[in-house]
Amino acid sequence: MQKQFKSLDGAFRWTIESILNCGEAIAPRGIPTRELRVVGFSIEDPRKRYVSLPARRWSLSYAIGEFCWHARGSNESDEIGHYSSRWRMMSDRNGKIVGSCYGAKIFRASKDSASQWNATKRILKEDPASRRAVLIFAEPPTDSPAGRSDVSCATSLQFSVRGTKLEALASMRSNDAILGLPYDVFLFTMLQEMMARELGLEMGTYHHIVGSMHIYHSDISWAEEIACALPTVEDAMPEMGDLSGLQLLLQGEQRIRNELEMNSFGSSPHRYWQDLLDVLVYRDAARKDSNTHIDNIVHHPLYRKLGILRSQ
């Protein structure tokens, strides 16, 4: 199954409805699940990378926090666990995430080779028509996969230059339609836009292909609630700013997690990144004082609307 949408909102709701209507029962590792096999969709405007269906209670702050974790190239469970404790349950005995640490896999270089990110960028610079610009997330199978707490759900992210636009194709072996899908699309389209910025290209269509798209039986009633919901926001996120500002976002996010004093970006050309950081500042402030008003911290109107959708 594959279909084209203008935004993640549309693709997300269609996916949920399709599983409810056509999904079949399956129980991997003994966990009851409703599944659709080989599902795909495309999003025409990848900057509409959020879910505004109120029933989903999607968190922009979590999406930004997870993006920062990947962009830093981290595999530390405590860092991403700041946003969701379930990550700590997925770590190994050393407190590392070994499967779903996509950023660590693509942004870290070894002593013998460049990072996947830089190698992929070089491929497209040297041959824009290349079909070899692929970031690999999956790890080889092990003899005892059942004993692993975390196995990469995403297998690859392929970039293709078509005309003046950069398209992206994410391939996943498995995707939890409710919990994982919205944040996966947010991350992968952010990576798509980062690569487009580095290559001086426009954003093209985002494609998402999944071997097993599923909903856990325990979430079926939630899925039915989501399927009846309507989008509340339609605006796209602004165009990504100069990538030099990304480091300022990552530094700010780290200071928030470690409860250190914040340094303002000021009126620099990095407004895009400051607006994202504002969301994390608000999340932190609201958790300390429930009376904190979002309008006093988050200045971008789209992010204010999305922040109101979910109680921080």
C-alpha atoms as a PDB file:
ATOM      1  CA  MET A   1       0.000   0.000   0.000  1.00  0.00           C
ATOM      2  CA  GLN A   2       1.320   3.447  -0.859  1.00  0.00           C
ATOM      3  CA  LYS A   3      -0.226   6.908  -1.040  1.00  0.00           C
ATOM      4  CA  GLN A   4       0.818  10.563  -1.335  1.00  0.00           C
ATOM      5  CA  PHE A   5       0.023  13.306   1.205  1.00  0.00           C
ATOM      6  CA  LYS A   6       0.759  16.964   1.697  1.00  0.00           C
ATOM      7  CA  SER A   7       1.733  16.534   5.355  1.00  0.00           C
ATOM      8  CA  LEU A   8       2.557  14.036   8.079  1.00  0.00           C
ATOM      9  CA  ASP A   9      -0.885  14.674   9.609  1.00  0.00           C
ATOM     10  CA  GLY A  10      -2.553  13.137   6.563  1.00  0.00           C
ATOM     11  CA  ALA A  11      -0.109  10.255   6.237  1.00  0.00           C
ATOM     12  CA  PHE A  12      -0.333   9.437   9.941  1.00  0.00           C
ATOM     13  CA  ARG A  13      -4.116   9.317  10.080  1.00  0.00           C
ATOM     14  CA  TRP A  14      -4.311   7.248   6.864  1.00  0.00           C
ATOM     15  CA  THR A  15      -1.804   4.785   8.305  1.00  0.00           C
ATOM     16  CA  ILE A  16      -3.788   4.359  11.517  1.00  0.00           C
ATOM     17  CA  GLU A  17      -7.071   3.940   9.629  1.00  0.00           C
ATOM     18  CA  SER A  18      -5.513   1.414   7.239  1.00  0.00           C
ATOM     19  CA  ILE A  19      -4.220  -0.769  10.055  1.00  0.00           C
ATOM     20  CA  LEU A  20      -7.557  -0.635  11.893  1.00  0.00           C
ATOM     21  CA  ASN A  21      -9.469  -1.558   8.733  1.00  0.00           C
ATOM     22  CA  CYS A  22      -7.098  -4.005   7.066  1.00  0.00           C
ATOM     23  CA  GLY A  23      -4.510  -5.091   9.612  1.00  0.00           C
ATOM     24  CA  GLU A  24      -4.012  -8.721  10.534  1.00  0.00           C
ATOM     25  CA  ALA A  25      -3.242 -10.221  13.927  1.00  0.00           C
ATOM     26  CA  ILE A  26       0.351 -11.215  14.652  1.00  0.00           C
ATOM     27  CA  ALA A  27       2.259 -11.682  17.911  1.00  0.00           C
ATOM     28  CA  PRO A  28       6.050 -11.306  17.570  1.00  0.00           C
ATOM     29  CA  ARG A  29       7.784 -12.134  20.875  1.00  0.00           C
ATOM     30  CA  GLY A  30       4.297 -13.079  22.104  1.00  0.00           C
ATOM     31  CA  ILE A  31       3.007  -9.464  21.990  1.00  0.00           C
ATOM     32  CA  PRO A  32      -0.465  -9.156  20.306  1.00  0.00           C
ATOM     33  CA  THR A  33      -0.248  -6.754  17.375  1.00  0.00           C
ATOM     34  CA  ARG A  34      -2.302  -5.681  14.368  1.00  0.00           C
ATOM     35  CA  GLU A  35      -0.087  -5.400  11.289  1.00  0.00           C
ATOM     36  CA  LEU A  36      -0.006  -4.267   7.664  1.00  0.00           C
ATOM     37  CA  ARG A  37       2.773  -5.558   5.456  1.00  0.00           C
ATOM     38  CA  VAL A  38       4.762  -3.392   3.021  1.00  0.00           C
ATOM     39  CA  VAL A  39       3.235   0.015   3.610  1.00  0.00           C
ATOM     40  CA  GLY A  40       4.451   3.247   2.082  1.00  0.00           C
ATOM     41  CA  PHE A  41       3.544   6.891   1.741  1.00  0.00           C
ATOM     42  CA  SER A  42       5.043  10.118   0.423  1.00  0.00           C
ATOM     43  CA  ILE A  43       4.881  13.617   1.899  1.00  0.00           C
ATOM     44  CA  GLU A  44       4.957  16.472  -0.611  1.00  0.00           C
ATOM     45  CA  ASP A  45       5.980  19.109   1.932  1.00  0.00           C
ATOM     46  CA  PRO A  46       8.387  17.468   4.403  1.00  0.00           C
ATOM     47  CA  ARG A  47       8.439  20.608   6.564  1.00  0.00           C
ATOM     48  CA  LYS A  48       4.904  19.655   7.636  1.00  0.00           C
ATOM     49  CA  ARG A  49       6.639  17.055   9.769  1.00  0.00           C
ATOM     50  CA  TYR A  50       4.449  17.219  12.877  1.00  0.00           C
ATOM     51  CA  VAL A  51       1.180  15.651  14.069  1.00  0.00           C
ATOM     52  CA  SER A  52      -1.517  18.128  15.096  1.00  0.00           C
ATOM     53  CA  LEU A  53      -4.288  15.568  15.652  1.00  0.00           C
ATOM     54  CA  PRO A  54      -5.161  16.346  19.302  1.00  0.00           C
ATOM     55  CA  ALA A  55      -5.869  12.716  20.180  1.00  0.00           C
ATOM     56  CA  ARG A  56      -2.242  11.746  19.460  1.00  0.00           C
ATOM     57  CA  ARG A  57      -0.884  14.277  21.996  1.00  0.00           C
ATOM     58  CA  TRP A  58       2.297  14.555  19.935  1.00  0.00           C
ATOM     59  CA  SER A  59       5.180  16.330  21.641  1.00  0.00           C
ATOM     60  CA  LEU A  60       7.235  18.860  19.684  1.00  0.00           C
ATOM     61  CA  SER A  61       9.669  19.135  22.580  1.00  0.00           C
ATOM     62  CA  TYR A  62      10.322  15.391  22.527  1.00  0.00           C
ATOM     63  CA  ALA A  63      10.825  15.475  18.744  1.00  0.00           C
ATOM     64  CA  ILE A  64      13.356  18.302  19.075  1.00  0.00           C
ATOM     65  CA  GLY A  65      15.109  16.616  22.005  1.00  0.00           C
ATOM     66  CA  GLU A  66      15.428  13.363  20.087  1.00  0.00           C
ATOM     67  CA  PHE A  67      16.698  15.226  17.032  1.00  0.00           C
ATOM     68  CA  CYS A  68      19.387  16.876  19.189  1.00  0.00           C
ATOM     69  CA  TRP A  69      20.442  13.480  20.534  1.00  0.00           C
ATOM     70  CA  HIS A  70      20.889  12.097  17.040  1.00  0.00           C
ATOM     71  CA  ALA A  71      22.494  15.258  15.641  1.00  0.00           C
ATOM     72  CA  ARG A  72      25.075  15.119  18.456  1.00  0.00           C
ATOM     73  CA  GLY A  73      25.923  11.562  17.392  1.00  0.00           C
ATOM     74  CA  SER A  74      25.186  10.283  20.890  1.00  0.00           C
ATOM     75  CA  ASN A  75      24.375   6.757  22.010  1.00  0.00           C
ATOM     76  CA  GLU A  76      24.038   7.600  25.712  1.00  0.00           C
ATOM     77  CA  SER A  77      20.712   6.385  27.085  1.00  0.00           C
ATOM     78  CA  ASP A  78      20.682   8.940  29.905  1.00  0.00           C
ATOM     79  CA  GLU A  79      20.712  11.816  27.402  1.00  0.00           C
ATOM     80  CA  ILE A  80      17.697  10.659  25.415  1.00  0.00           C
ATOM     81  CA  GLY A  81      16.167   9.223  28.599  1.00  0.00           C
ATOM     82  CA  HIS A  82      15.749  12.832  29.764  1.00  0.00           C
ATOM     83  CA  TYR A  83      12.828  13.025  27.305  1.00  0.00           C
ATOM     84  CA  SER A  84      11.419   9.496  27.660  1.00  0.00           C
ATOM     85  CA  SER A  85      12.327   6.974  30.343  1.00  0.00           C
ATOM     86  CA  ARG A  86      11.607   4.036  28.025  1.00  0.00           C
ATOM     87  CA  TRP A  87      14.969   4.664  26.349  1.00  0.00           C
ATOM     88  CA  ARG A  88      16.746   3.692  29.564  1.00  0.00           C
ATOM     89  CA  MET A  89      15.040   0.297  29.435  1.00  0.00           C
ATOM     90  CA  MET A  90      16.477  -0.208  25.933  1.00  0.00           C
ATOM     91  CA  SER A  91      20.108   0.413  26.916  1.00  0.00           C
ATOM     92  CA  ASP A  92      22.822  -2.188  27.317  1.00  0.00           C
ATOM     93  CA  ARG A  93      24.680  -2.804  30.579  1.00  0.00           C
ATOM     94  CA  ASN A  94      26.947   0.163  29.826  1.00  0.00           C
ATOM     95  CA  GLY A  95      24.079   2.610  29.455  1.00  0.00           C
ATOM     96  CA  LYS A  96      24.398   2.726  25.662  1.00  0.00           C
ATOM     97  CA  ILE A  97      21.756   2.501  22.949  1.00  0.00           C
ATOM     98  CA  VAL A  98      23.226   0.116  20.406  1.00  0.00           C
ATOM     99  CA  GLY A  99      20.488  -0.245  17.781  1.00  0.00           C
ATOM    100  CA  SER A 100      18.397   2.912  17.489  1.00  0.00           C
ATOM    101  CA  CYS A 101      21.318   5.347  17.832  1.00  0.00           C
ATOM    102  CA  TYR A 102      20.996   6.506  14.229  1.00  0.00           C
ATOM    103  CA  GLY A 103      22.973   9.703  14.766  1.00  0.00           C
ATOM    104  CA  ALA A 104      25.921   7.848  16.292  1.00  0.00           C
ATOM    105  CA  LYS A 105      25.950   5.541  13.278  1.00  0.00           C
ATOM    106  CA  ILE A 106      25.935   8.265  10.624  1.00  0.00           C
ATOM    107  CA  PHE A 107      27.758  11.244  12.164  1.00  0.00           C
ATOM    108  CA  ARG A 108      30.687   9.508  13.858  1.00  0.00           C
ATOM    109  CA  ALA A 109      33.846   8.992  11.844  1.00  0.00           C
ATOM    110  CA  SER A 110      36.360   6.207  12.424  1.00  0.00           C
ATOM    111  CA  LYS A 111      40.130   6.513  12.277  1.00  0.00           C
ATOM    112  CA  ASP A 112      40.055   4.797   8.892  1.00  0.00           C
ATOM    113  CA  SER A 113      37.065   6.419   7.195  1.00  0.00           C
ATOM    114  CA  ALA A 114      34.830   9.467   7.062  1.00  0.00           C
ATOM    115  CA  SER A 115      31.431   9.489   8.689  1.00  0.00           C
ATOM    116  CA  GLN A 116      28.537   8.078   6.689  1.00  0.00           C
ATOM    117  CA  TRP A 117      27.121  11.594   6.540  1.00  0.00           C
ATOM    118  CA  ASN A 118      30.214  13.154   4.972  1.00  0.00           C
ATOM    119  CA  ALA A 119      30.743  10.213   2.627  1.00  0.00           C
ATOM    120  CA  THR A 120      27.132  10.447   1.411  1.00  0.00           C
ATOM    121  CA  LYS A 121      27.420  14.200   0.936  1.00  0.00           C
ATOM    122  CA  ARG A 122      30.599  13.751  -1.105  1.00  0.00           C
ATOM    123  CA  ILE A 123      28.898  11.171  -3.328  1.00  0.00           C
ATOM    124  CA  LEU A 124      26.125  13.626  -4.216  1.00  0.00           C
ATOM    125  CA  LYS A 125      28.524  16.506  -4.747  1.00  0.00           C
ATOM    126  CA  GLU A 126      30.615  14.457  -7.162  1.00  0.00           C
ATOM    127  CA  ASP A 127      27.671  12.791  -8.908  1.00  0.00           C
ATOM    128  CA  PRO A 128      24.263  14.395  -8.241  1.00  0.00           C
ATOM    129  CA  ALA A 129      22.550  11.629 -10.234  1.00  0.00           C
ATOM    130  CA  SER A 130      24.028   8.918  -8.004  1.00  0.00           C
ATOM    131  CA  ARG A 131      21.873   6.120  -6.624  1.00  0.00           C
ATOM    132  CA  ARG A 132      24.497   5.282  -3.994  1.00  0.00           C
ATOM    133  CA  ALA A 133      23.814   8.055  -1.463  1.00  0.00           C
ATOM    134  CA  VAL A 134      22.502   5.810   1.307  1.00  0.00           C
ATOM    135  CA  LEU A 135      22.884   6.098   5.075  1.00  0.00           C
ATOM    136  CA  ILE A 136      22.821   2.653   6.708  1.00  0.00           C
ATOM    137  CA  PHE A 137      21.165   2.279  10.114  1.00  0.00           C
ATOM    138  CA  ALA A 138      20.676  -1.479  10.425  1.00  0.00           C
ATOM    139  CA  GLU A 139      23.184  -3.793  12.039  1.00  0.00           C
ATOM    140  CA  PRO A 140      23.827  -7.423  10.987  1.00  0.00           C
ATOM    141  CA  PRO A 141      21.642 -10.076  12.628  1.00  0.00           C
ATOM    142  CA  THR A 142      23.041 -11.822  15.696  1.00  0.00           C
ATOM    143  CA  ASP A 143      22.788 -15.447  16.777  1.00  0.00           C
ATOM    144  CA  SER A 144      20.524 -14.496  19.687  1.00  0.00           C
ATOM    145  CA  PRO A 145      18.383 -11.499  18.583  1.00  0.00           C
ATOM    146  CA  ALA A 146      15.756 -12.299  21.209  1.00  0.00           C
ATOM    147  CA  GLY A 147      18.258 -11.375  23.906  1.00  0.00           C
ATOM    148  CA  ARG A 148      18.753  -7.834  22.607  1.00  0.00           C
ATOM    149  CA  SER A 149      16.662  -5.045  24.080  1.00  0.00           C
ATOM    150  CA  ASP A 150      17.120  -2.719  21.108  1.00  0.00           C
ATOM    151  CA  VAL A 151      17.335  -3.551  17.407  1.00  0.00           C
ATOM    152  CA  SER A 152      17.272  -0.779  14.811  1.00  0.00           C
ATOM    153  CA  CYS A 153      13.800  -0.376  13.285  1.00  0.00           C
ATOM    154  CA  ALA A 154      15.118   1.808  10.465  1.00  0.00           C
ATOM    155  CA  THR A 155      17.367   0.173   7.907  1.00  0.00           C
ATOM    156  CA  SER A 156      18.417   3.068   5.672  1.00  0.00           C
ATOM    157  CA  LEU A 157      17.818   6.613   4.457  1.00  0.00           C
ATOM    158  CA  GLN A 158      18.525   7.243   0.789  1.00  0.00           C
ATOM    159  CA  PHE A 159      18.998  10.698  -0.741  1.00  0.00           C
ATOM    160  CA  SER A 160      18.337  11.402  -4.413  1.00  0.00           C
ATOM    161  CA  VAL A 161      18.843  14.652  -6.315  1.00  0.00           C
ATOM    162  CA  ARG A 162      16.125  15.265  -8.861  1.00  0.00           C
ATOM    163  CA  GLY A 163      16.364  18.619 -10.628  1.00  0.00           C
ATOM    164  CA  THR A 164      17.036  21.237  -7.969  1.00  0.00           C
ATOM    165  CA  LYS A 165      15.469  19.203  -5.155  1.00  0.00           C
ATOM    166  CA  LEU A 166      16.694  16.583  -2.716  1.00  0.00           C
ATOM    167  CA  GLU A 167      14.314  13.682  -2.146  1.00  0.00           C
ATOM    168  CA  ALA A 168      14.628  11.182   0.682  1.00  0.00           C
ATOM    169  CA  LEU A 169      13.517   7.563   1.034  1.00  0.00           C
ATOM    170  CA  ALA A 170      13.424   6.023   4.521  1.00  0.00           C
ATOM    171  CA  SER A 171      13.243   2.226   4.680  1.00  0.00           C
ATOM    172  CA  MET A 172      12.175   0.491   7.880  1.00  0.00           C
ATOM    173  CA  ARG A 173      11.877  -3.179   8.769  1.00  0.00           C
ATOM    174  CA  SER A 174       9.329  -2.325  11.475  1.00  0.00           C
ATOM    175  CA  ASN A 175       7.371   0.743  12.574  1.00  0.00           C
ATOM    176  CA  ASP A 176       5.064   1.289  15.539  1.00  0.00           C
ATOM    177  CA  ALA A 177       2.441   3.428  13.814  1.00  0.00           C
ATOM    178  CA  ILE A 178       1.339   5.337  16.920  1.00  0.00           C
ATOM    179  CA  LEU A 179       4.439   5.766  19.047  1.00  0.00           C
ATOM    180  CA  GLY A 180       7.325   5.619  16.595  1.00  0.00           C
ATOM    181  CA  LEU A 181       6.144   6.773  13.175  1.00  0.00           C
ATOM    182  CA  PRO A 182       5.542  10.487  13.953  1.00  0.00           C
ATOM    183  CA  TYR A 183       8.981  10.946  15.519  1.00  0.00           C
ATOM    184  CA  ASP A 184      10.770   8.897  12.867  1.00  0.00           C
ATOM    185  CA  VAL A 185       9.368  11.099  10.105  1.00  0.00           C
ATOM    186  CA  PHE A 186      10.291  14.250  12.039  1.00  0.00           C
ATOM    187  CA  LEU A 187      13.888  13.057  12.420  1.00  0.00           C
ATOM    188  CA  PHE A 188      14.365  11.782   8.877  1.00  0.00           C
ATOM    189  CA  THR A 189      12.916  14.911   7.263  1.00  0.00           C
ATOM    190  CA  MET A 190      15.174  17.056   9.468  1.00  0.00           C
ATOM    191  CA  LEU A 191      18.140  15.031   8.175  1.00  0.00           C
ATOM    192  CA  GLN A 192      16.800  15.461   4.650  1.00  0.00           C
ATOM    193  CA  GLU A 193      16.677  19.215   5.104  1.00  0.00           C
ATOM    194  CA  MET A 194      20.156  19.290   6.647  1.00  0.00           C
ATOM    195  CA  MET A 195      21.586  17.481   3.636  1.00  0.00           C
ATOM    196  CA  ALA A 196      19.678  19.768   1.251  1.00  0.00           C
ATOM    197  CA  ARG A 197      21.188  22.799   3.022  1.00  0.00           C
ATOM    198  CA  GLU A 198      24.685  21.369   2.745  1.00  0.00           C
ATOM    199  CA  LEU A 199      24.225  20.708  -0.965  1.00  0.00           C
ATOM    200  CA  GLY A 200      22.494  24.012  -1.723  1.00  0.00           C
ATOM    201  CA  LEU A 201      19.300  22.288  -2.869  1.00  0.00           C
ATOM    202  CA  GLU A 202      15.579  22.681  -2.211  1.00  0.00           C
ATOM    203  CA  MET A 203      13.565  20.150  -0.250  1.00  0.00           C
ATOM    204  CA  GLY A 204      11.919  17.487  -2.381  1.00  0.00           C
ATOM    205  CA  THR A 205       9.393  14.780  -1.545  1.00  0.00           C
ATOM    206  CA  TYR A 206       9.913  12.486   1.436  1.00  0.00           C
ATOM    207  CA  HIS A 207       9.099   8.782   0.987  1.00  0.00           C
ATOM    208  CA  HIS A 208       8.551   6.271   3.815  1.00  0.00           C
ATOM    209  CA  ILE A 209       8.505   2.498   3.230  1.00  0.00           C
ATOM    210  CA  VAL A 210       7.893  -0.054   6.000  1.00  0.00           C
ATOM    211  CA  GLY A 211       7.991  -3.862   6.007  1.00  0.00           C
ATOM    212  CA  SER A 212       5.758  -4.193   9.088  1.00  0.00           C
ATOM    213  CA  MET A 213       3.579  -1.223  10.025  1.00  0.00           C
ATOM    214  CA  HIS A 214       1.721  -2.079  13.195  1.00  0.00           C
ATOM    215  CA  ILE A 215      -0.295  -1.084  16.247  1.00  0.00           C
ATOM    216  CA  TYR A 216       0.025  -2.974  19.518  1.00  0.00           C
ATOM    217  CA  HIS A 217      -3.265  -4.443  20.721  1.00  0.00           C
ATOM    218  CA  SER A 218      -3.002  -2.399  23.915  1.00  0.00           C
ATOM    219  CA  ASP A 219      -3.163   0.784  21.796  1.00  0.00           C
ATOM    220  CA  ILE A 220      -6.166  -0.121  19.627  1.00  0.00           C
ATOM    221  CA  SER A 221      -8.638   2.106  21.490  1.00  0.00           C
ATOM    222  CA  TRP A 222      -6.169   4.990  21.273  1.00  0.00           C
ATOM    223  CA  ALA A 223      -5.821   4.344  17.535  1.00  0.00           C
ATOM    224  CA  GLU A 224      -9.604   4.492  17.122  1.00  0.00           C
ATOM    225  CA  GLU A 225      -9.618   7.856  18.889  1.00  0.00           C
ATOM    226  CA  ILE A 226      -6.855   9.150  16.596  1.00  0.00           C
ATOM    227  CA  ALA A 227      -8.672   7.939  13.472  1.00  0.00           C
ATOM    228  CA  CYS A 228     -11.613  10.220  14.336  1.00  0.00           C
ATOM    229  CA  ALA A 229      -9.470  13.308  14.980  1.00  0.00           C
ATOM    230  CA  LEU A 230      -8.933  16.238  12.619  1.00  0.00           C
ATOM    231  CA  PRO A 231      -5.752  18.297  12.110  1.00  0.00           C
ATOM    232  CA  THR A 232      -5.629  21.587  13.994  1.00  0.00           C
ATOM    233  CA  VAL A 233      -2.551  23.120  12.312  1.00  0.00           C
ATOM    234  CA  GLU A 234      -1.630  23.378   8.636  1.00  0.00           C
ATOM    235  CA  ASP A 235       1.484  25.593   8.463  1.00  0.00           C
ATOM    236  CA  ALA A 236       4.877  24.202   7.498  1.00  0.00           C
ATOM    237  CA  MET A 237       7.911  24.671   9.679  1.00  0.00           C
ATOM    238  CA  PRO A 238      10.135  27.500   8.419  1.00  0.00           C
ATOM    239  CA  GLU A 239      13.095  26.800   6.168  1.00  0.00           C
ATOM    240  CA  MET A 240      16.080  25.504   8.093  1.00  0.00           C
ATOM    241  CA  GLY A 241      18.618  28.148   9.063  1.00  0.00           C
ATOM    242  CA  ASP A 242      22.377  28.190   8.544  1.00  0.00           C
ATOM    243  CA  LEU A 243      23.709  24.896   9.882  1.00  0.00           C
ATOM    244  CA  SER A 244      26.343  26.696  11.939  1.00  0.00           C
ATOM    245  CA  GLY A 245      23.484  27.496  14.322  1.00  0.00           C
ATOM    246  CA  LEU A 246      22.871  23.792  14.961  1.00  0.00           C
ATOM    247  CA  GLN A 247      25.792  23.640  17.391  1.00  0.00           C
ATOM    248  CA  LEU A 248      24.240  26.460  19.397  1.00  0.00           C
ATOM    249  CA  LEU A 249      21.020  24.460  19.655  1.00  0.00           C
ATOM    250  CA  LEU A 250      22.935  21.368  20.770  1.00  0.00           C
ATOM    251  CA  GLN A 251      24.871  23.343  23.365  1.00  0.00           C
ATOM    252  CA  GLY A 252      21.680  24.928  24.658  1.00  0.00           C
ATOM    253  CA  GLU A 253      19.888  21.577  24.872  1.00  0.00           C
ATOM    254  CA  GLN A 254      22.801  20.129  26.819  1.00  0.00           C
ATOM    255  CA  ARG A 255      22.765  23.028  29.270  1.00  0.00           C
ATOM    256  CA  ILE A 256      19.033  22.560  29.861  1.00  0.00           C
ATOM    257  CA  ARG A 257      19.471  18.842  30.596  1.00  0.00           C
ATOM    258  CA  ASN A 258      22.294  19.569  33.007  1.00  0.00           C
ATOM    259  CA  GLU A 259      20.367  22.444  34.649  1.00  0.00           C
ATOM    260  CA  LEU A 260      23.019  25.018  33.759  1.00  0.00           C
ATOM    261  CA  GLU A 261      22.438  28.696  33.072  1.00  0.00           C
ATOM    262  CA  MET A 262      21.296  29.379  29.520  1.00  0.00           C
ATOM    263  CA  ASN A 263      23.150  31.564  27.055  1.00  0.00           C
ATOM    264  CA  SER A 264      20.929  33.509  24.633  1.00  0.00           C
ATOM    265  CA  PHE A 265      21.484  33.323  20.899  1.00  0.00           C
ATOM    266  CA  GLY A 266      20.756  37.037  20.737  1.00  0.00           C
ATOM    267  CA  SER A 267      19.693  38.626  17.449  1.00  0.00           C
ATOM    268  CA  SER A 268      22.037  36.453  15.375  1.00  0.00           C
ATOM    269  CA  PRO A 269      21.158  34.860  12.018  1.00  0.00           C
ATOM    270  CA  HIS A 270      20.313  31.703  13.967  1.00  0.00           C
ATOM    271  CA  ARG A 271      16.666  32.507  14.721  1.00  0.00           C
ATOM    272  CA  TYR A 272      15.579  29.132  13.311  1.00  0.00           C
ATOM    273  CA  TRP A 273      17.622  27.255  15.904  1.00  0.00           C
ATOM    274  CA  GLN A 274      16.690  29.646  18.714  1.00  0.00           C
ATOM    275  CA  ASP A 275      13.006  28.977  18.028  1.00  0.00           C
ATOM    276  CA  LEU A 276      13.608  25.242  18.454  1.00  0.00           C
ATOM    277  CA  LEU A 277      15.564  25.842  21.637  1.00  0.00           C
ATOM    278  CA  ASP A 278      12.719  28.004  22.970  1.00  0.00           C
ATOM    279  CA  VAL A 279      10.495  24.917  22.900  1.00  0.00           C
ATOM    280  CA  LEU A 280      12.956  23.006  25.091  1.00  0.00           C
ATOM    281  CA  VAL A 281      13.304  25.980  27.439  1.00  0.00           C
ATOM    282  CA  TYR A 282       9.519  26.062  27.814  1.00  0.00           C
ATOM    283  CA  ARG A 283       9.336  22.311  28.473  1.00  0.00           C
ATOM    284  CA  ASP A 284      11.885  22.639  31.248  1.00  0.00           C
ATOM    285  CA  ALA A 285      10.231  25.713  32.785  1.00  0.00           C
ATOM    286  CA  ALA A 286       6.724  24.234  32.633  1.00  0.00           C
ATOM    287  CA  ARG A 287       7.855  21.080  34.404  1.00  0.00           C
ATOM    288  CA  LYS A 288       9.227  23.181  37.239  1.00  0.00           C
ATOM    289  CA  ASP A 289       6.234  25.540  37.355  1.00  0.00           C
ATOM    290  CA  SER A 290       2.924  24.451  35.846  1.00  0.00           C
ATOM    291  CA  ASN A 291       1.794  28.086  35.684  1.00  0.00           C
ATOM    292  CA  THR A 292       4.467  28.944  33.108  1.00  0.00           C
ATOM    293  CA  HIS A 293       2.777  30.463  30.034  1.00  0.00           C
ATOM    294  CA  ILE A 294       4.026  29.285  26.658  1.00  0.00           C
ATOM    295  CA  ASP A 295       3.616  32.745  25.075  1.00  0.00           C
ATOM    296  CA  ASN A 296       6.268  34.140  27.413  1.00  0.00           C
ATOM    297  CA  ILE A 297       8.933  31.748  26.118  1.00  0.00           C
ATOM    298  CA  VAL A 298       8.016  30.341  22.700  1.00  0.00           C
ATOM    299  CA  HIS A 299       7.871  33.094  20.091  1.00  0.00           C
ATOM    300  CA  HIS A 300       7.235  31.177  16.862  1.00  0.00           C
ATOM    301  CA  PRO A 301       3.430  31.009  16.324  1.00  0.00           C
ATOM    302  CA  LEU A 302       3.489  27.473  14.861  1.00  0.00           C
ATOM    303  CA  TYR A 303       5.485  26.134  17.791  1.00  0.00           C
ATOM    304  CA  ARG A 304       3.149  27.820  20.259  1.00  0.00           C
ATOM    305  CA  LYS A 305       0.181  26.070  18.633  1.00  0.00           C
ATOM    306  CA  LEU A 306       1.936  22.708  18.677  1.00  0.00           C
ATOM    307  CA  GLY A 307       3.120  23.207  22.241  1.00  0.00           C
ATOM    308  CA  ILE A 308      -0.427  23.826  23.431  1.00  0.00           C
ATOM    309  CA  LEU A 309      -1.565  20.531  21.907  1.00  0.00           C
ATOM    310  CA  ARG A 310       0.270  18.558  24.550  1.00  0.00           C
ATOM    311  CA  SER A 311       0.624  19.328  28.205  1.00  0.00           C
ATOM    312  CA  GLN A 312       4.301  19.426  29.012  1.00  0.00           C
END
